Amino acid sequence: MPASPLILTLDMNGTPHRWVSWQMACVYQAKELVAWEAGDRNFTFQGGTNRVTGERSHIATNSIIAIKGKSVLAKTMNQTPPLSNRELFSRDRHICAYCGDHMLGARLTRDHVLPVSQGGRDRWMNVVTACRPCNQRKSGRTPEEANMPLLYAPYVPNKAEYLILSNRNILTDQMDFLARHLSAQSRWKQG
């Protein structure tokens, strides 16, 4: 069986919550915890064969499901997601903030706009994607000190953007749903 995509879960109000495996989505379905479904894609999974009836069991789930229970608080959409190079490079669309070149992740680095040696912190608002040559040229200086202006400004992704950044195999309907929840400064919204 080919690999199944992750299932996007929402709260009862339609706020994106997290990715779950198809197995967990089936658990939600079996326990009747799915309030409603929003995706275009349905997945049916086959179980075993009933010894008495000879019928094979199956369970279906959708690519986007809302889970019954407490609503995710609206403020969680704006909580700061964990920072990692993979998500940073995705946020910045694999483009060096100094030269503008698009590169593979192995050729990219995390650059601190205000260098750590000058008191800069490892936070979304102080880091950008940089190619190795630009990061080395900038060294322990600010962009102004190095005469290397930023081509784009850093920003903190919201929960919807973090869900996009953290899943490499998003289905079209899931991406369309999450895109409606992106913040105005998101580079994913800008194309």
N, C-alpha and C. Protein backbone atom coordinates (compact mmCIF):
# COMPACT_ATOMS: atom_id res chain seq x y z
N MET A 1 0.85 -1.17 0.00
CA MET A 1 0.00 0.00 0.00
C MET A 1 0.91 1.24 0.00
N PRO A 2 0.63 2.24 -0.87
CA PRO A 2 1.46 3.45 -0.88
C PRO A 2 1.31 4.22 0.42
N ALA A 3 2.30 5.02 0.74
CA ALA A 3 2.27 5.82 1.97
C ALA A 3 1.06 6.75 1.96
N SER A 4 0.36 6.80 3.07
CA SER A 4 -0.80 7.67 3.19
C SER A 4 -0.38 9.01 3.74
N PRO A 5 -1.05 10.07 3.32
CA PRO A 5 -0.69 11.40 3.83
C PRO A 5 -1.13 11.57 5.27
N LEU A 6 -0.58 12.59 5.89
CA LEU A 6 -1.05 12.94 7.23
C LEU A 6 -2.42 13.57 7.10
N ILE A 7 -3.22 13.45 8.16
CA ILE A 7 -4.57 14.00 8.19
C ILE A 7 -4.54 15.27 9.03
N LEU A 8 -5.15 16.33 8.50
CA LEU A 8 -5.20 17.61 9.21
C LEU A 8 -6.40 17.59 10.15
N THR A 9 -6.14 17.82 11.44
CA THR A 9 -7.24 17.88 12.40
C THR A 9 -7.53 19.34 12.74
N LEU A 10 -8.80 19.59 13.00
CA LEU A 10 -9.28 20.91 13.36
C LEU A 10 -10.05 20.79 14.66
N ASP A 11 -10.30 21.91 15.30
CA ASP A 11 -11.22 21.89 16.43
C ASP A 11 -12.63 22.02 15.88
N MET A 12 -13.62 22.04 16.75
CA MET A 12 -15.03 22.10 16.33
C MET A 12 -15.35 23.37 15.55
N ASN A 13 -14.58 24.44 15.80
CA ASN A 13 -14.81 25.72 15.12
C ASN A 13 -14.06 25.83 13.79
N GLY A 14 -13.31 24.81 13.43
CA GLY A 14 -12.57 24.84 12.18
C GLY A 14 -11.18 25.43 12.27
N THR A 15 -10.66 25.59 13.48
CA THR A 15 -9.30 26.11 13.67
C THR A 15 -8.31 24.97 13.50
N PRO A 16 -7.31 25.13 12.63
CA PRO A 16 -6.30 24.07 12.45
C PRO A 16 -5.63 23.73 13.78
N HIS A 17 -5.43 22.43 14.01
CA HIS A 17 -4.87 22.00 15.29
C HIS A 17 -3.53 21.29 15.10
N ARG A 18 -3.53 20.13 14.40
CA ARG A 18 -2.30 19.38 14.23
C ARG A 18 -2.47 18.33 13.16
N TRP A 19 -1.34 17.73 12.76
CA TRP A 19 -1.33 16.60 11.84
C TRP A 19 -1.40 15.31 12.65
N VAL A 20 -2.16 14.35 12.15
CA VAL A 20 -2.18 13.02 12.76
C VAL A 20 -2.01 11.98 11.67
N SER A 21 -1.58 10.81 12.07
CA SER A 21 -1.43 9.70 11.12
C SER A 21 -2.82 9.21 10.70
N TRP A 22 -2.88 8.46 9.62
CA TRP A 22 -4.16 7.89 9.19
C TRP A 22 -4.69 6.93 10.26
N GLN A 23 -3.77 6.27 10.99
CA GLN A 23 -4.20 5.35 12.04
C GLN A 23 -4.93 6.11 13.16
N MET A 24 -4.39 7.27 13.54
CA MET A 24 -5.04 8.06 14.59
C MET A 24 -6.37 8.60 14.08
N ALA A 25 -6.42 9.01 12.83
CA ALA A 25 -7.69 9.48 12.25
C ALA A 25 -8.73 8.36 12.28
N CYS A 26 -8.30 7.14 12.03
CA CYS A 26 -9.23 6.01 12.09
C CYS A 26 -9.72 5.76 13.51
N VAL A 27 -8.84 5.99 14.50
CA VAL A 27 -9.25 5.87 15.91
C VAL A 27 -10.33 6.90 16.20
N TYR A 28 -10.12 8.14 15.77
CA TYR A 28 -11.14 9.19 15.96
C TYR A 28 -12.46 8.77 15.30
N GLN A 29 -12.37 8.21 14.10
CA GLN A 29 -13.59 7.77 13.39
C GLN A 29 -14.27 6.64 14.16
N ALA A 30 -13.51 5.65 14.58
CA ALA A 30 -14.07 4.49 15.27
C ALA A 30 -14.72 4.88 16.60
N LYS A 31 -14.14 5.85 17.28
CA LYS A 31 -14.69 6.31 18.56
C LYS A 31 -15.78 7.38 18.38
N GLU A 32 -16.12 7.65 17.12
CA GLU A 32 -17.15 8.64 16.78
C GLU A 32 -16.82 10.01 17.37
N LEU A 33 -15.55 10.39 17.26
CA LEU A 33 -15.09 11.68 17.75
C LEU A 33 -14.95 12.72 16.63
N VAL A 34 -15.27 12.33 15.40
CA VAL A 34 -15.19 13.27 14.28
C VAL A 34 -16.52 14.00 14.18
N ALA A 35 -16.46 15.33 14.35
CA ALA A 35 -17.68 16.15 14.31
C ALA A 35 -18.11 16.40 12.86
N TRP A 36 -17.14 16.71 12.01
CA TRP A 36 -17.41 16.95 10.60
C TRP A 36 -16.12 16.85 9.80
N GLU A 37 -16.26 16.76 8.49
CA GLU A 37 -15.11 16.62 7.60
C GLU A 37 -15.14 17.74 6.57
N ALA A 38 -13.94 18.17 6.13
CA ALA A 38 -13.89 19.30 5.21
C ALA A 38 -13.08 19.03 3.95
N GLY A 39 -12.33 17.97 3.92
CA GLY A 39 -11.42 17.74 2.80
C GLY A 39 -12.10 17.14 1.58
N ASP A 40 -11.39 17.21 0.47
CA ASP A 40 -11.88 16.64 -0.79
C ASP A 40 -11.53 15.17 -0.93
N ARG A 41 -10.55 14.71 -0.14
CA ARG A 41 -10.04 13.35 -0.30
C ARG A 41 -10.55 12.45 0.82
N ASN A 42 -11.03 11.28 0.43
CA ASN A 42 -11.43 10.24 1.39
C ASN A 42 -10.49 9.07 1.25
N PHE A 43 -10.20 8.43 2.37
CA PHE A 43 -9.33 7.27 2.39
C PHE A 43 -10.07 6.14 3.09
N THR A 44 -10.09 4.99 2.47
CA THR A 44 -10.72 3.82 3.06
C THR A 44 -9.63 2.79 3.34
N PHE A 45 -9.63 2.28 4.56
CA PHE A 45 -8.63 1.31 4.98
C PHE A 45 -9.33 0.00 5.29
N GLN A 46 -8.78 -1.09 4.77
CA GLN A 46 -9.35 -2.41 4.93
C GLN A 46 -8.84 -3.06 6.21
N GLY A 47 -9.73 -3.77 6.87
CA GLY A 47 -9.36 -4.51 8.07
C GLY A 47 -9.36 -6.00 7.77
N GLY A 48 -9.66 -6.75 8.80
CA GLY A 48 -9.68 -8.20 8.65
C GLY A 48 -11.01 -8.71 8.14
N THR A 49 -11.08 -10.00 7.92
CA THR A 49 -12.30 -10.64 7.44
C THR A 49 -13.01 -11.31 8.60
N ASN A 50 -14.32 -11.06 8.70
CA ASN A 50 -15.14 -11.64 9.75
C ASN A 50 -15.26 -13.14 9.49
N ARG A 51 -14.91 -13.95 10.46
CA ARG A 51 -14.93 -15.41 10.30
C ARG A 51 -16.34 -15.93 10.06
N VAL A 52 -17.33 -15.30 10.67
CA VAL A 52 -18.71 -15.77 10.54
C VAL A 52 -19.35 -15.32 9.23
N THR A 53 -19.26 -14.02 8.92
CA THR A 53 -19.94 -13.48 7.75
C THR A 53 -19.09 -13.50 6.49
N GLY A 54 -17.78 -13.58 6.66
CA GLY A 54 -16.89 -13.55 5.51
C GLY A 54 -16.68 -12.14 4.96
N GLU A 55 -17.29 -11.14 5.60
CA GLU A 55 -17.15 -9.76 5.13
C GLU A 55 -15.88 -9.14 5.69
N ARG A 56 -15.28 -8.32 4.87
CA ARG A 56 -14.07 -7.63 5.29
C ARG A 56 -14.44 -6.28 5.89
N SER A 57 -13.85 -5.97 7.04
CA SER A 57 -14.14 -4.69 7.68
C SER A 57 -13.36 -3.57 6.97
N HIS A 58 -13.87 -2.36 7.12
CA HIS A 58 -13.18 -1.20 6.57
C HIS A 58 -13.58 0.04 7.38
N ILE A 59 -12.74 1.04 7.30
CA ILE A 59 -13.04 2.31 7.95
C ILE A 59 -12.54 3.41 7.02
N ALA A 60 -13.28 4.50 6.97
CA ALA A 60 -12.94 5.60 6.08
C ALA A 60 -12.69 6.86 6.90
N THR A 61 -11.79 7.68 6.38
CA THR A 61 -11.55 8.99 6.98
C THR A 61 -11.28 9.98 5.87
N ASN A 62 -11.36 11.24 6.21
CA ASN A 62 -11.18 12.31 5.26
C ASN A 62 -9.81 12.96 5.47
N SER A 63 -9.36 13.75 4.51
CA SER A 63 -8.06 14.41 4.62
C SER A 63 -8.07 15.55 5.65
N ILE A 64 -9.27 16.08 5.96
CA ILE A 64 -9.41 17.13 6.98
C ILE A 64 -10.59 16.76 7.87
N ILE A 65 -10.34 16.63 9.17
CA ILE A 65 -11.42 16.24 10.09
C ILE A 65 -11.45 17.16 11.31
N ALA A 66 -12.64 17.49 11.75
CA ALA A 66 -12.82 18.28 12.97
C ALA A 66 -13.12 17.31 14.11
N ILE A 67 -12.40 17.47 15.20
CA ILE A 67 -12.52 16.58 16.34
C ILE A 67 -13.45 17.19 17.39
N LYS A 68 -14.37 16.37 17.89
CA LYS A 68 -15.28 16.82 18.95
C LYS A 68 -14.50 17.14 20.21
N GLY A 69 -15.04 18.03 21.00
CA GLY A 69 -14.40 18.37 22.27
C GLY A 69 -14.11 19.84 22.38
N LYS A 70 -13.17 20.15 23.23
CA LYS A 70 -12.83 21.55 23.47
C LYS A 70 -12.30 22.20 22.20
N SER A 71 -12.66 23.47 22.03
CA SER A 71 -12.13 24.23 20.91
C SER A 71 -10.71 24.67 21.24
N VAL A 72 -9.90 24.73 20.20
CA VAL A 72 -8.55 25.27 20.36
C VAL A 72 -8.73 26.76 20.54
N LEU A 73 -8.09 27.32 21.52
CA LEU A 73 -8.21 28.75 21.76
C LEU A 73 -7.64 29.54 20.59
N ALA A 74 -8.32 30.62 20.22
CA ALA A 74 -7.88 31.45 19.11
C ALA A 74 -6.44 31.91 19.29
N LYS A 75 -6.03 32.14 20.54
CA LYS A 75 -4.67 32.63 20.78
C LYS A 75 -3.61 31.59 20.39
N THR A 76 -3.99 30.29 20.32
CA THR A 76 -3.00 29.29 19.93
C THR A 76 -2.58 29.45 18.48
N MET A 77 -3.41 30.11 17.66
CA MET A 77 -3.02 30.35 16.27
C MET A 77 -1.83 31.29 16.21
N ASN A 78 -1.64 32.09 17.25
CA ASN A 78 -0.55 33.06 17.26
C ASN A 78 0.58 32.69 18.21
N GLN A 79 0.54 31.48 18.77
CA GLN A 79 1.64 31.04 19.62
C GLN A 79 2.89 30.85 18.76
N THR A 80 4.03 31.13 19.34
CA THR A 80 5.28 31.00 18.61
C THR A 80 5.63 29.53 18.43
N PRO A 81 5.73 29.07 17.18
CA PRO A 81 6.10 27.67 16.96
C PRO A 81 7.58 27.45 17.20
N PRO A 82 7.99 26.21 17.46
CA PRO A 82 9.41 25.93 17.68
C PRO A 82 10.23 26.26 16.42
N LEU A 83 11.42 26.77 16.63
CA LEU A 83 12.32 27.17 15.55
C LEU A 83 13.27 26.04 15.23
N SER A 84 13.31 25.64 13.98
CA SER A 84 14.31 24.68 13.50
C SER A 84 14.76 25.14 12.12
N ASN A 85 15.92 24.67 11.69
CA ASN A 85 16.42 25.08 10.37
C ASN A 85 15.46 24.67 9.26
N ARG A 86 14.91 23.48 9.35
CA ARG A 86 14.01 23.03 8.28
C ARG A 86 12.83 23.98 8.12
N GLU A 87 12.19 24.35 9.23
CA GLU A 87 11.05 25.26 9.15
C GLU A 87 11.50 26.68 8.78
N LEU A 88 12.66 27.10 9.26
CA LEU A 88 13.18 28.43 8.89
C LEU A 88 13.41 28.50 7.39
N PHE A 89 14.10 27.50 6.83
CA PHE A 89 14.38 27.52 5.40
C PHE A 89 13.08 27.48 4.59
N SER A 90 12.10 26.73 5.08
CA SER A 90 10.80 26.71 4.40
C SER A 90 10.11 28.06 4.51
N ARG A 91 10.14 28.66 5.70
CA ARG A 91 9.52 29.99 5.87
C ARG A 91 10.09 30.97 4.85
N ASP A 92 11.41 30.91 4.66
CA ASP A 92 12.10 31.84 3.77
C ASP A 92 12.18 31.32 2.33
N ARG A 93 11.44 30.25 2.05
CA ARG A 93 11.34 29.67 0.70
C ARG A 93 12.69 29.26 0.11
N HIS A 94 13.64 28.90 1.00
CA HIS A 94 14.99 28.46 0.60
C HIS A 94 15.73 29.55 -0.18
N ILE A 95 15.48 30.80 0.17
CA ILE A 95 16.11 31.94 -0.51
C ILE A 95 17.01 32.67 0.48
N CYS A 96 18.25 32.89 0.08
CA CYS A 96 19.20 33.62 0.92
C CYS A 96 18.71 35.04 1.10
N ALA A 97 18.68 35.51 2.33
CA ALA A 97 18.19 36.85 2.64
C ALA A 97 19.14 37.95 2.18
N TYR A 98 20.34 37.59 1.74
CA TYR A 98 21.33 38.59 1.35
C TYR A 98 21.57 38.63 -0.16
N CYS A 99 21.74 37.48 -0.80
CA CYS A 99 22.01 37.49 -2.25
C CYS A 99 20.77 37.13 -3.08
N GLY A 100 19.77 36.55 -2.44
CA GLY A 100 18.54 36.21 -3.14
C GLY A 100 18.57 34.90 -3.90
N ASP A 101 19.66 34.15 -3.79
CA ASP A 101 19.75 32.86 -4.49
C ASP A 101 18.86 31.82 -3.82
N HIS A 102 18.23 30.99 -4.62
CA HIS A 102 17.41 29.87 -4.15
C HIS A 102 18.31 28.64 -4.12
N MET A 103 18.35 27.94 -2.98
CA MET A 103 19.27 26.81 -2.85
C MET A 103 18.64 25.66 -2.07
N LEU A 104 19.26 24.51 -2.18
CA LEU A 104 18.85 23.35 -1.39
C LEU A 104 19.26 23.58 0.07
N GLY A 105 18.56 22.92 0.97
CA GLY A 105 18.80 23.09 2.40
C GLY A 105 20.23 22.83 2.83
N ALA A 106 20.93 21.90 2.19
CA ALA A 106 22.30 21.56 2.58
C ALA A 106 23.26 22.73 2.35
N ARG A 107 22.89 23.66 1.49
CA ARG A 107 23.76 24.81 1.19
C ARG A 107 23.35 26.05 1.96
N LEU A 108 22.36 25.91 2.86
CA LEU A 108 21.84 27.05 3.60
C LEU A 108 22.25 26.99 5.07
N THR A 109 22.23 28.16 5.71
CA THR A 109 22.54 28.26 7.13
C THR A 109 21.53 29.19 7.79
N ARG A 110 21.51 29.14 9.10
CA ARG A 110 20.71 30.07 9.90
C ARG A 110 21.59 31.26 10.25
N ASP A 111 21.16 32.45 9.86
CA ASP A 111 21.93 33.65 10.19
C ASP A 111 21.16 34.47 11.21
N HIS A 112 21.86 34.96 12.21
CA HIS A 112 21.28 35.84 13.21
C HIS A 112 21.47 37.28 12.74
N VAL A 113 20.36 37.98 12.50
CA VAL A 113 20.42 39.36 12.01
C VAL A 113 21.26 40.19 12.99
N LEU A 114 20.90 40.17 14.25
CA LEU A 114 21.77 40.72 15.30
C LEU A 114 22.57 39.53 15.82
N PRO A 115 23.87 39.48 15.51
CA PRO A 115 24.67 38.30 15.86
C PRO A 115 24.62 37.97 17.35
N VAL A 116 24.72 36.70 17.65
CA VAL A 116 24.74 36.23 19.03
C VAL A 116 25.88 36.90 19.79
N SER A 117 27.00 37.12 19.11
CA SER A 117 28.15 37.77 19.76
C SER A 117 27.85 39.22 20.16
N GLN A 118 26.78 39.79 19.61
CA GLN A 118 26.37 41.15 19.96
C GLN A 118 25.09 41.16 20.78
N GLY A 119 24.71 40.00 21.31
CA GLY A 119 23.53 39.92 22.16
C GLY A 119 22.26 39.45 21.46
N GLY A 120 22.38 39.08 20.20
CA GLY A 120 21.21 38.59 19.45
C GLY A 120 20.73 37.25 20.00
N ARG A 121 19.43 37.00 19.87
CA ARG A 121 18.83 35.77 20.39
C ARG A 121 18.44 34.85 19.23
N ASP A 122 18.29 33.60 19.54
CA ASP A 122 17.88 32.59 18.55
C ASP A 122 16.36 32.54 18.51
N ARG A 123 15.75 33.53 17.86
CA ARG A 123 14.30 33.65 17.76
C ARG A 123 13.91 33.93 16.32
N TRP A 124 12.66 33.59 15.99
CA TRP A 124 12.15 33.79 14.63
C TRP A 124 12.42 35.20 14.10
N MET A 125 12.24 36.22 14.94
CA MET A 125 12.38 37.61 14.49
C MET A 125 13.83 38.05 14.34
N ASN A 126 14.77 37.19 14.71
CA ASN A 126 16.18 37.55 14.60
C ASN A 126 16.96 36.60 13.69
N VAL A 127 16.27 35.72 13.00
CA VAL A 127 16.98 34.78 12.13
C VAL A 127 16.41 34.81 10.72
N VAL A 128 17.30 34.61 9.77
CA VAL A 128 16.94 34.51 8.36
C VAL A 128 17.76 33.39 7.73
N THR A 129 17.33 32.96 6.57
CA THR A 129 18.07 31.96 5.80
C THR A 129 19.18 32.66 5.04
N ALA A 130 20.39 32.09 5.11
CA ALA A 130 21.53 32.64 4.37
C ALA A 130 22.32 31.50 3.75
N CYS A 131 22.83 31.75 2.55
CA CYS A 131 23.74 30.75 1.96
C CYS A 131 25.06 30.81 2.74
N ARG A 132 25.84 29.77 2.66
CA ARG A 132 27.09 29.72 3.43
C ARG A 132 28.04 30.89 3.08
N PRO A 133 28.26 31.19 1.78
CA PRO A 133 29.16 32.30 1.47
C PRO A 133 28.69 33.64 2.07
N CYS A 134 27.39 33.94 1.99
CA CYS A 134 26.89 35.20 2.55
C CYS A 134 27.02 35.21 4.07
N ASN A 135 26.73 34.09 4.72
CA ASN A 135 26.83 34.03 6.17
C ASN A 135 28.28 34.23 6.61
N GLN A 136 29.21 33.63 5.88
CA GLN A 136 30.62 33.80 6.21
C GLN A 136 31.08 35.24 5.96
N ARG A 137 30.59 35.85 4.87
CA ARG A 137 30.97 37.23 4.56
C ARG A 137 30.42 38.20 5.61
N LYS A 138 29.19 37.96 6.06
CA LYS A 138 28.58 38.82 7.07
C LYS A 138 29.29 38.64 8.40
N SER A 139 29.68 37.42 8.69
CA SER A 139 30.42 37.07 9.90
C SER A 139 29.66 37.50 11.14
N GLY A 140 30.33 38.09 12.12
CA GLY A 140 29.71 38.48 13.38
C GLY A 140 29.20 39.92 13.36
N ARG A 141 28.81 40.41 12.18
CA ARG A 141 28.35 41.80 12.05
C ARG A 141 26.85 41.84 11.77
N THR A 142 26.26 43.00 11.97
CA THR A 142 24.87 43.21 11.58
C THR A 142 24.84 43.41 10.06
N PRO A 143 23.69 43.30 9.43
CA PRO A 143 23.62 43.56 7.98
C PRO A 143 24.15 44.97 7.62
N GLU A 144 23.85 45.95 8.46
CA GLU A 144 24.31 47.31 8.20
C GLU A 144 25.84 47.40 8.29
N GLU A 145 26.42 46.80 9.33
CA GLU A 145 27.86 46.83 9.50
C GLU A 145 28.58 46.12 8.35
N ALA A 146 27.95 45.07 7.81
CA ALA A 146 28.55 44.30 6.73
C ALA A 146 28.19 44.87 5.35
N ASN A 147 27.38 45.92 5.34
CA ASN A 147 26.87 46.50 4.08
C ASN A 147 26.18 45.43 3.23
N MET A 148 25.34 44.62 3.90
CA MET A 148 24.59 43.54 3.25
C MET A 148 23.12 43.67 3.64
N PRO A 149 22.37 44.54 2.98
CA PRO A 149 20.97 44.74 3.37
C PRO A 149 20.13 43.47 3.19
N LEU A 150 19.17 43.31 4.09
CA LEU A 150 18.25 42.17 4.01
C LEU A 150 17.30 42.35 2.83
N LEU A 151 17.05 41.29 2.09
CA LEU A 151 16.10 41.33 0.97
C LEU A 151 14.66 41.13 1.45
N TYR A 152 14.51 40.57 2.64
CA TYR A 152 13.18 40.38 3.25
C TYR A 152 13.34 40.41 4.76
N ALA A 153 12.24 40.70 5.42
CA ALA A 153 12.26 40.82 6.88
C ALA A 153 11.85 39.49 7.53
N PRO A 154 12.48 39.16 8.65
CA PRO A 154 12.05 37.96 9.38
C PRO A 154 10.69 38.20 10.03
N TYR A 155 9.95 37.13 10.27
CA TYR A 155 8.66 37.21 10.96
C TYR A 155 8.39 35.89 11.65
N VAL A 156 7.43 35.89 12.56
CA VAL A 156 7.05 34.68 13.29
C VAL A 156 5.88 34.04 12.56
N PRO A 157 6.02 32.79 12.11
CA PRO A 157 4.89 32.12 11.45
C PRO A 157 3.78 31.82 12.46
N ASN A 158 2.53 31.89 12.01
CA ASN A 158 1.42 31.51 12.90
C ASN A 158 1.24 30.00 12.83
N LYS A 159 0.26 29.48 13.56
CA LYS A 159 0.04 28.03 13.65
C LYS A 159 -0.24 27.40 12.29
N ALA A 160 -1.06 28.06 11.46
CA ALA A 160 -1.37 27.51 10.14
C ALA A 160 -0.12 27.40 9.29
N GLU A 161 0.70 28.44 9.32
CA GLU A 161 1.94 28.40 8.53
C GLU A 161 2.89 27.34 9.09
N TYR A 162 2.95 27.21 10.40
CA TYR A 162 3.81 26.19 10.99
C TYR A 162 3.35 24.79 10.54
N LEU A 163 2.04 24.58 10.46
CA LEU A 163 1.56 23.28 9.98
C LEU A 163 1.99 23.04 8.54
N ILE A 164 1.99 24.08 7.73
CA ILE A 164 2.48 23.97 6.35
C ILE A 164 3.97 23.65 6.35
N LEU A 165 4.72 24.37 7.17
CA LEU A 165 6.16 24.19 7.21
C LEU A 165 6.58 22.81 7.71
N SER A 166 5.75 22.22 8.57
CA SER A 166 6.14 20.96 9.21
C SER A 166 5.70 19.71 8.47
N ASN A 167 5.01 19.86 7.35
CA ASN A 167 4.56 18.68 6.60
C ASN A 167 5.01 18.83 5.16
N ARG A 168 5.79 17.89 4.69
CA ARG A 168 6.33 17.95 3.33
C ARG A 168 5.37 17.41 2.27
N ASN A 169 4.32 16.74 2.68
CA ASN A 169 3.41 16.09 1.73
C ASN A 169 1.96 16.53 1.95
N ILE A 170 1.72 17.81 1.82
CA ILE A 170 0.39 18.35 2.04
C ILE A 170 -0.45 18.16 0.78
N LEU A 171 -1.67 17.69 0.99
CA LEU A 171 -2.60 17.54 -0.13
C LEU A 171 -3.15 18.92 -0.51
N THR A 172 -3.60 19.05 -1.73
CA THR A 172 -4.09 20.33 -2.24
C THR A 172 -5.21 20.89 -1.38
N ASP A 173 -6.18 20.05 -0.99
CA ASP A 173 -7.30 20.55 -0.19
C ASP A 173 -6.83 21.02 1.19
N GLN A 174 -5.83 20.34 1.75
CA GLN A 174 -5.29 20.74 3.05
C GLN A 174 -4.56 22.08 2.92
N MET A 175 -3.78 22.24 1.85
CA MET A 175 -3.05 23.49 1.63
C MET A 175 -4.03 24.65 1.43
N ASP A 176 -5.08 24.43 0.66
CA ASP A 176 -6.10 25.47 0.44
C ASP A 176 -6.74 25.87 1.76
N PHE A 177 -7.04 24.88 2.60
CA PHE A 177 -7.65 25.17 3.90
C PHE A 177 -6.71 25.99 4.78
N LEU A 178 -5.46 25.54 4.88
CA LEU A 178 -4.49 26.24 5.73
C LEU A 178 -4.16 27.63 5.19
N ALA A 179 -4.14 27.80 3.88
CA ALA A 179 -3.82 29.11 3.28
C ALA A 179 -4.81 30.17 3.72
N ARG A 180 -6.04 29.78 3.99
CA ARG A 180 -7.05 30.76 4.45
C ARG A 180 -6.77 31.24 5.87
N HIS A 181 -5.87 30.57 6.59
CA HIS A 181 -5.55 30.94 7.96
C HIS A 181 -4.17 31.58 8.11
N LEU A 182 -3.49 31.86 7.01
CA LEU A 182 -2.16 32.45 7.08
C LEU A 182 -2.23 33.92 7.47
N SER A 183 -1.18 34.39 8.13
CA SER A 183 -1.10 35.81 8.48
C SER A 183 -0.72 36.61 7.23
N ALA A 184 -0.98 37.90 7.27
CA ALA A 184 -0.74 38.77 6.12
C ALA A 184 0.74 38.80 5.70
N GLN A 185 1.68 38.68 6.66
CA GLN A 185 3.11 38.78 6.31
C GLN A 185 3.69 37.47 5.80
N SER A 186 2.92 36.40 5.80
CA SER A 186 3.44 35.10 5.36
C SER A 186 3.93 35.14 3.92
N ARG A 187 5.15 34.63 3.69
CA ARG A 187 5.65 34.55 2.33
C ARG A 187 4.94 33.44 1.56
N TRP A 188 4.29 32.52 2.25
CA TRP A 188 3.50 31.49 1.57
C TRP A 188 2.26 32.11 0.93
N LYS A 189 1.74 33.15 1.53
CA LYS A 189 0.57 33.83 0.99
C LYS A 189 0.96 34.68 -0.22
N GLN A 190 2.20 35.13 -0.24
CA GLN A 190 2.67 36.00 -1.30
C GLN A 190 3.11 35.23 -2.53
N GLY A 191 3.01 33.91 -2.48
CA GLY A 191 3.35 33.12 -3.67
C GLY A 191 4.62 32.43 -3.50
